[in-house]
Amino acid sequence: MNAVTVSPKFQIVIPKGVRESLNISPGMKLSFVAVGGILHMVPITSIKKMKGALPGIDTKITREADRKL
């Protein structure tokens, strides 16, 4: 278990093993999400980096007859 201490400025240091295993680097943006008393850190990825992330996905959209593209 990796324990951290919250500083008086509410800062924490992510343990080295966690940073390395998740490829967290300086300058990377993370979003913090609290769910059921558990804090999740989610990396914020640019939309450009997401290109090609879902190969084979069907991008055809079925629309109602009164809607136009």
PDB file of N, CA and C in Angstrom:
ATOM      1  N   MET A   1       0.846  -1.180   0.000  1.00  0.00           N
ATOM      2  CA  MET A   1       0.000   0.000   0.000  1.00  0.00           C
ATOM      3  C   MET A   1       0.889   1.240   0.000  1.00  0.00           C
ATOM      4  N   ASN A   2       0.595   2.155  -0.868  1.00  0.00           N
ATOM      5  CA  ASN A   2       1.336   3.410  -0.949  1.00  0.00           C
ATOM      6  C   ASN A   2       0.551   4.491  -0.212  1.00  0.00           C
ATOM      7  N   ALA A   3       1.111   4.960   0.878  1.00  0.00           N
ATOM      8  CA  ALA A   3       0.449   6.007   1.655  1.00  0.00           C
ATOM      9  C   ALA A   3       1.106   7.346   1.353  1.00  0.00           C
ATOM     10  N   VAL A   4       0.301   8.392   1.325  1.00  0.00           N
ATOM     11  CA  VAL A   4       0.806   9.743   1.111  1.00  0.00           C
ATOM     12  C   VAL A   4       0.278  10.631   2.231  1.00  0.00           C
ATOM     13  N   THR A   5       0.941  11.765   2.431  1.00  0.00           N
ATOM     14  CA  THR A   5       0.526  12.741   3.428  1.00  0.00           C
ATOM     15  C   THR A   5       0.106  14.007   2.710  1.00  0.00           C
ATOM     16  N   VAL A   6      -1.021  14.545   3.093  1.00  0.00           N
ATOM     17  CA  VAL A   6      -1.506  15.786   2.509  1.00  0.00           C
ATOM     18  C   VAL A   6      -0.809  16.939   3.222  1.00  0.00           C
ATOM     19  N   SER A   7      -0.200  17.841   2.437  1.00  0.00           N
ATOM     20  CA  SER A   7       0.519  18.987   3.004  1.00  0.00           C
ATOM     21  C   SER A   7      -0.474  20.046   3.479  1.00  0.00           C
ATOM     22  N   PRO A   8      -0.004  21.041   4.215  1.00  0.00           N
ATOM     23  CA  PRO A   8      -0.888  22.133   4.635  1.00  0.00           C
ATOM     24  C   PRO A   8      -1.528  22.876   3.455  1.00  0.00           C
ATOM     25  N   LYS A   9      -0.896  22.799   2.274  1.00  0.00           N
ATOM     26  CA  LYS A   9      -1.466  23.412   1.073  1.00  0.00           C
ATOM     27  C   LYS A   9      -2.337  22.418   0.292  1.00  0.00           C
ATOM     28  N   PHE A  10      -2.667  21.285   0.899  1.00  0.00           N
ATOM     29  CA  PHE A  10      -3.480  20.225   0.300  1.00  0.00           C
ATOM     30  C   PHE A  10      -2.802  19.610  -0.921  1.00  0.00           C
ATOM     31  N   GLN A  11      -1.483  19.509  -0.903  1.00  0.00           N
ATOM     32  CA  GLN A  11      -0.734  18.881  -1.982  1.00  0.00           C
ATOM     33  C   GLN A  11      -0.318  17.481  -1.565  1.00  0.00           C
ATOM     34  N   ILE A  12      -0.183  16.599  -2.560  1.00  0.00           N
ATOM     35  CA  ILE A  12       0.318  15.248  -2.309  1.00  0.00           C
ATOM     36  C   ILE A  12       1.401  14.939  -3.337  1.00  0.00           C
ATOM     37  N   VAL A  13       2.223  13.945  -3.031  1.00  0.00           N
ATOM     38  CA  VAL A  13       3.218  13.450  -3.971  1.00  0.00           C
ATOM     39  C   VAL A  13       2.778  12.047  -4.356  1.00  0.00           C
ATOM     40  N   ILE A  14       2.654  11.805  -5.666  1.00  0.00           N
ATOM     41  CA  ILE A  14       2.279  10.476  -6.143  1.00  0.00           C
ATOM     42  C   ILE A  14       3.520   9.592  -6.026  1.00  0.00           C
ATOM     43  N   PRO A  15       3.416   8.469  -5.340  1.00  0.00           N
ATOM     44  CA  PRO A  15       4.583   7.608  -5.158  1.00  0.00           C
ATOM     45  C   PRO A  15       5.211   7.188  -6.491  1.00  0.00           C
ATOM     46  N   LYS A  16       6.534   7.047  -6.487  1.00  0.00           N
ATOM     47  CA  LYS A  16       7.289   6.752  -7.702  1.00  0.00           C
ATOM     48  C   LYS A  16       6.788   5.487  -8.405  1.00  0.00           C
ATOM     49  N   GLY A  17       6.528   4.449  -7.659  1.00  0.00           N
ATOM     50  CA  GLY A  17       6.054   3.198  -8.261  1.00  0.00           C
ATOM     51  C   GLY A  17       4.732   3.378  -8.991  1.00  0.00           C
ATOM     52  N   VAL A  18       3.849   4.176  -8.423  1.00  0.00           N
ATOM     53  CA  VAL A  18       2.550   4.445  -9.058  1.00  0.00           C
ATOM     54  C   VAL A  18       2.750   5.285 -10.313  1.00  0.00           C
ATOM     55  N   ARG A  19       3.590   6.334 -10.213  1.00  0.00           N
ATOM     56  CA  ARG A  19       3.871   7.179 -11.379  1.00  0.00           C
ATOM     57  C   ARG A  19       4.432   6.356 -12.525  1.00  0.00           C
ATOM     58  N   GLU A  20       5.374   5.481 -12.216  1.00  0.00           N
ATOM     59  CA  GLU A  20       5.995   4.669 -13.260  1.00  0.00           C
ATOM     60  C   GLU A  20       5.022   3.667 -13.862  1.00  0.00           C
ATOM     61  N   SER A  21       4.219   3.016 -13.033  1.00  0.00           N
ATOM     62  CA  SER A  21       3.305   1.995 -13.551  1.00  0.00           C
ATOM     63  C   SER A  21       2.184   2.598 -14.399  1.00  0.00           C
ATOM     64  N   LEU A  22       1.831   3.860 -14.131  1.00  0.00           N
ATOM     65  CA  LEU A  22       0.759   4.516 -14.888  1.00  0.00           C
ATOM     66  C   LEU A  22       1.283   5.519 -15.909  1.00  0.00           C
ATOM     67  N   ASN A  23       2.605   5.580 -16.055  1.00  0.00           N
ATOM     68  CA  ASN A  23       3.241   6.503 -17.005  1.00  0.00           C
ATOM     69  C   ASN A  23       2.817   7.954 -16.771  1.00  0.00           C
ATOM     70  N   ILE A  24       2.759   8.357 -15.515  1.00  0.00           N
ATOM     71  CA  ILE A  24       2.433   9.742 -15.178  1.00  0.00           C
ATOM     72  C   ILE A  24       3.719  10.552 -15.266  1.00  0.00           C
ATOM     73  N   SER A  25       3.670  11.647 -16.016  1.00  0.00           N
ATOM     74  CA  SER A  25       4.859  12.465 -16.213  1.00  0.00           C
ATOM     75  C   SER A  25       4.580  13.908 -15.808  1.00  0.00           C
ATOM     76  N   PRO A  26       5.634  14.691 -15.567  1.00  0.00           N
ATOM     77  CA  PRO A  26       5.448  16.100 -15.192  1.00  0.00           C
ATOM     78  C   PRO A  26       4.656  16.845 -16.260  1.00  0.00           C
ATOM     79  N   GLY A  27       3.737  17.671 -15.828  1.00  0.00           N
ATOM     80  CA  GLY A  27       2.918  18.452 -16.754  1.00  0.00           C
ATOM     81  C   GLY A  27       1.637  17.757 -17.174  1.00  0.00           C
ATOM     82  N   MET A  28       1.524  16.461 -16.902  1.00  0.00           N
ATOM     83  CA  MET A  28       0.312  15.718 -17.274  1.00  0.00           C
ATOM     84  C   MET A  28      -0.855  16.223 -16.438  1.00  0.00           C
ATOM     85  N   LYS A  29      -2.015  16.356 -17.064  1.00  0.00           N
ATOM     86  CA  LYS A  29      -3.204  16.817 -16.352  1.00  0.00           C
ATOM     87  C   LYS A  29      -4.026  15.613 -15.910  1.00  0.00           C
ATOM     88  N   LEU A  30      -4.494  15.678 -14.664  1.00  0.00           N
ATOM     89  CA  LEU A  30      -5.321  14.620 -14.097  1.00  0.00           C
ATOM     90  C   LEU A  30      -6.607  15.234 -13.571  1.00  0.00           C
ATOM     91  N   SER A  31      -7.682  14.492 -13.709  1.00  0.00           N
ATOM     92  CA  SER A  31      -8.960  14.904 -13.146  1.00  0.00           C
ATOM     93  C   SER A  31      -9.221  14.023 -11.929  1.00  0.00           C
ATOM     94  N   PHE A  32      -9.676  14.620 -10.835  1.00  0.00           N
ATOM     95  CA  PHE A  32      -9.991  13.863  -9.634  1.00  0.00           C
ATOM     96  C   PHE A  32     -11.507  13.678  -9.544  1.00  0.00           C
ATOM     97  N   VAL A  33     -11.929  12.435  -9.356  1.00  0.00           N
ATOM     98  CA  VAL A  33     -13.351  12.104  -9.286  1.00  0.00           C
ATOM     99  C   VAL A  33     -13.571  11.300  -8.011  1.00  0.00           C
ATOM    100  N   ALA A  34     -14.486  11.764  -7.167  1.00  0.00           N
ATOM    101  CA  ALA A  34     -14.818  11.045  -5.938  1.00  0.00           C
ATOM    102  C   ALA A  34     -16.091  10.246  -6.164  1.00  0.00           C
ATOM    103  N   VAL A  35     -15.995   8.934  -5.951  1.00  0.00           N
ATOM    104  CA  VAL A  35     -17.147   8.044  -6.123  1.00  0.00           C
ATOM    105  C   VAL A  35     -17.230   7.134  -4.906  1.00  0.00           C
ATOM    106  N   GLY A  36     -18.291   7.263  -4.167  1.00  0.00           N
ATOM    107  CA  GLY A  36     -18.508   6.391  -3.014  1.00  0.00           C
ATOM    108  C   GLY A  36     -17.374   6.426  -2.001  1.00  0.00           C
ATOM    109  N   GLY A  37     -16.805   7.591  -1.754  1.00  0.00           N
ATOM    110  CA  GLY A  37     -15.743   7.723  -0.773  1.00  0.00           C
ATOM    111  C   GLY A  37     -14.369   7.320  -1.293  1.00  0.00           C
ATOM    112  N   ILE A  38     -14.274   6.998  -2.570  1.00  0.00           N
ATOM    113  CA  ILE A  38     -12.995   6.629  -3.189  1.00  0.00           C
ATOM    114  C   ILE A  38     -12.616   7.700  -4.189  1.00  0.00           C
ATOM    115  N   LEU A  39     -11.351   8.130  -4.145  1.00  0.00           N
ATOM    116  CA  LEU A  39     -10.859   9.165  -5.036  1.00  0.00           C
ATOM    117  C   LEU A  39     -10.157   8.510  -6.218  1.00  0.00           C
ATOM    118  N   HIS A  40     -10.615   8.828  -7.424  1.00  0.00           N
ATOM    119  CA  HIS A  40     -10.027   8.303  -8.654  1.00  0.00           C
ATOM    120  C   HIS A  40      -9.281   9.428  -9.358  1.00  0.00           C
ATOM    121  N   MET A  41      -8.085   9.129  -9.854  1.00  0.00           N
ATOM    122  CA  MET A  41      -7.345  10.075 -10.679  1.00  0.00           C
ATOM    123  C   MET A  41      -7.462   9.592 -12.119  1.00  0.00           C
ATOM    124  N   VAL A  42      -7.996  10.450 -12.987  1.00  0.00           N
ATOM    125  CA  VAL A  42      -8.219  10.086 -14.379  1.00  0.00           C
ATOM    126  C   VAL A  42      -7.401  11.021 -15.260  1.00  0.00           C
ATOM    127  N   PRO A  43      -6.524  10.461 -16.108  1.00  0.00           N
ATOM    128  CA  PRO A  43      -5.746  11.340 -16.983  1.00  0.00           C
ATOM    129  C   PRO A  43      -6.637  12.046 -17.990  1.00  0.00           C
ATOM    130  N   ILE A  44      -6.350  13.323 -18.236  1.00  0.00           N
ATOM    131  CA  ILE A  44      -7.082  14.094 -19.241  1.00  0.00           C
ATOM    132  C   ILE A  44      -6.294  13.973 -20.536  1.00  0.00           C
ATOM    133  N   THR A  45      -6.919  13.371 -21.535  1.00  0.00           N
ATOM    134  CA  THR A  45      -6.268  13.125 -22.813  1.00  0.00           C
ATOM    135  C   THR A  45      -6.853  14.047 -23.867  1.00  0.00           C
ATOM    136  N   SER A  46      -5.980  14.622 -24.696  1.00  0.00           N
ATOM    137  CA  SER A  46      -6.463  15.510 -25.753  1.00  0.00           C
ATOM    138  C   SER A  46      -7.215  14.685 -26.806  1.00  0.00           C
ATOM    139  N   ILE A  47      -8.146  15.309 -27.464  1.00  0.00           N
ATOM    140  CA  ILE A  47      -8.942  14.625 -28.476  1.00  0.00           C
ATOM    141  C   ILE A  47      -8.075  14.161 -29.640  1.00  0.00           C
ATOM    142  N   LYS A  48      -6.988  14.876 -29.920  1.00  0.00           N
ATOM    143  CA  LYS A  48      -6.082  14.477 -31.001  1.00  0.00           C
ATOM    144  C   LYS A  48      -5.412  13.140 -30.689  1.00  0.00           C
ATOM    145  N   LYS A  49      -5.065  12.912 -29.433  1.00  0.00           N
ATOM    146  CA  LYS A  49      -4.447  11.650 -29.044  1.00  0.00           C
ATOM    147  C   LYS A  49      -5.440  10.496 -29.062  1.00  0.00           C
ATOM    148  N   MET A  50      -6.736  10.802 -29.013  1.00  0.00           N
ATOM    149  CA  MET A  50      -7.761   9.763 -29.005  1.00  0.00           C
ATOM    150  C   MET A  50      -8.062   9.225 -30.402  1.00  0.00           C
ATOM    151  N   LYS A  51      -7.573   9.906 -31.444  1.00  0.00           N
ATOM    152  CA  LYS A  51      -7.841   9.477 -32.816  1.00  0.00           C
ATOM    153  C   LYS A  51      -7.353   8.044 -33.003  1.00  0.00           C
ATOM    154  N   GLY A  52      -8.250   7.197 -33.495  1.00  0.00           N
ATOM    155  CA  GLY A  52      -7.908   5.803 -33.741  1.00  0.00           C
ATOM    156  C   GLY A  52      -8.010   4.913 -32.516  1.00  0.00           C
ATOM    157  N   ALA A  53      -8.513   5.439 -31.401  1.00  0.00           N
ATOM    158  CA  ALA A  53      -8.578   4.658 -30.169  1.00  0.00           C
ATOM    159  C   ALA A  53      -9.636   3.560 -30.222  1.00  0.00           C
ATOM    160  N   LEU A  54     -10.610   3.714 -31.091  1.00  0.00           N
ATOM    161  CA  LEU A  54     -11.684   2.724 -31.198  1.00  0.00           C
ATOM    162  C   LEU A  54     -11.778   2.192 -32.632  1.00  0.00           C
ATOM    163  N   PRO A  55     -10.792   1.415 -33.070  1.00  0.00           N
ATOM    164  CA  PRO A  55     -10.838   0.910 -34.434  1.00  0.00           C
ATOM    165  C   PRO A  55     -12.023  -0.025 -34.640  1.00  0.00           C
ATOM    166  N   GLY A  56     -12.644   0.084 -35.799  1.00  0.00           N
ATOM    167  CA  GLY A  56     -13.761  -0.791 -36.127  1.00  0.00           C
ATOM    168  C   GLY A  56     -15.102  -0.328 -35.603  1.00  0.00           C
ATOM    169  N   ILE A  57     -15.153   0.796 -34.913  1.00  0.00           N
ATOM    170  CA  ILE A  57     -16.430   1.271 -34.385  1.00  0.00           C
ATOM    171  C   ILE A  57     -17.314   1.760 -35.534  1.00  0.00           C
ATOM    172  N   ASP A  58     -18.593   1.469 -35.445  1.00  0.00           N
ATOM    173  CA  ASP A  58     -19.543   1.887 -36.469  1.00  0.00           C
ATOM    174  C   ASP A  58     -19.907   3.351 -36.231  1.00  0.00           C
ATOM    175  N   THR A  59     -19.551   4.221 -37.174  1.00  0.00           N
ATOM    176  CA  THR A  59     -19.810   5.650 -37.011  1.00  0.00           C
ATOM    177  C   THR A  59     -21.059   6.106 -37.750  1.00  0.00           C
ATOM    178  N   LYS A  60     -21.798   5.162 -38.331  1.00  0.00           N
ATOM    179  CA  LYS A  60     -23.050   5.515 -39.005  1.00  0.00           C
ATOM    180  C   LYS A  60     -24.108   5.822 -37.960  1.00  0.00           C
ATOM    181  N   ILE A  61     -24.817   6.909 -38.185  1.00  0.00           N
ATOM    182  CA  ILE A  61     -25.840   7.331 -37.236  1.00  0.00           C
ATOM    183  C   ILE A  61     -27.206   7.208 -37.907  1.00  0.00           C
ATOM    184  N   THR A  62     -28.106   6.497 -37.255  1.00  0.00           N
ATOM    185  CA  THR A  62     -29.478   6.412 -37.756  1.00  0.00           C
ATOM    186  C   THR A  62     -30.248   7.579 -37.153  1.00  0.00           C
ATOM    187  N   ARG A  63     -30.798   8.416 -38.020  1.00  0.00           N
ATOM    188  CA  ARG A  63     -31.531   9.601 -37.556  1.00  0.00           C
ATOM    189  C   ARG A  63     -33.007   9.476 -37.926  1.00  0.00           C
ATOM    190  N   GLU A  64     -33.804  10.245 -37.217  1.00  0.00           N
ATOM    191  CA  GLU A  64     -35.222  10.281 -37.524  1.00  0.00           C
ATOM    192  C   GLU A  64     -35.406  10.920 -38.899  1.00  0.00           C
ATOM    193  N   ALA A  65     -36.518  10.603 -39.556  1.00  0.00           N
ATOM    194  CA  ALA A  65     -36.761  11.076 -40.907  1.00  0.00           C
ATOM    195  C   ALA A  65     -36.802  12.606 -40.998  1.00  0.00           C
ATOM    196  N   ASP A  66     -37.243  13.283 -39.940  1.00  0.00           N
ATOM    197  CA  ASP A  66     -37.344  14.745 -39.989  1.00  0.00           C
ATOM    198  C   ASP A  66     -36.027  15.451 -39.682  1.00  0.00           C
ATOM    199  N   ARG A  67     -34.972  14.716 -39.440  1.00  0.00           N
ATOM    200  CA  ARG A  67     -33.653  15.301 -39.142  1.00  0.00           C
ATOM    201  C   ARG A  67     -32.757  15.198 -40.369  1.00  0.00           C
ATOM    202  N   LYS A  68     -31.936  16.207 -40.579  1.00  0.00           N
ATOM    203  CA  LYS A  68     -30.990  16.181 -41.677  1.00  0.00           C
ATOM    204  C   LYS A  68     -29.580  16.310 -41.132  1.00  0.00           C
ATOM    205  N   LEU A  69     -28.639  15.770 -41.858  1.00  0.00           N
ATOM    206  CA  LEU A  69     -27.238  15.852 -41.433  1.00  0.00           C
ATOM    207  C   LEU A  69     -26.664  17.193 -41.651  1.00  0.00           C
TER     208      LEU A  69
END
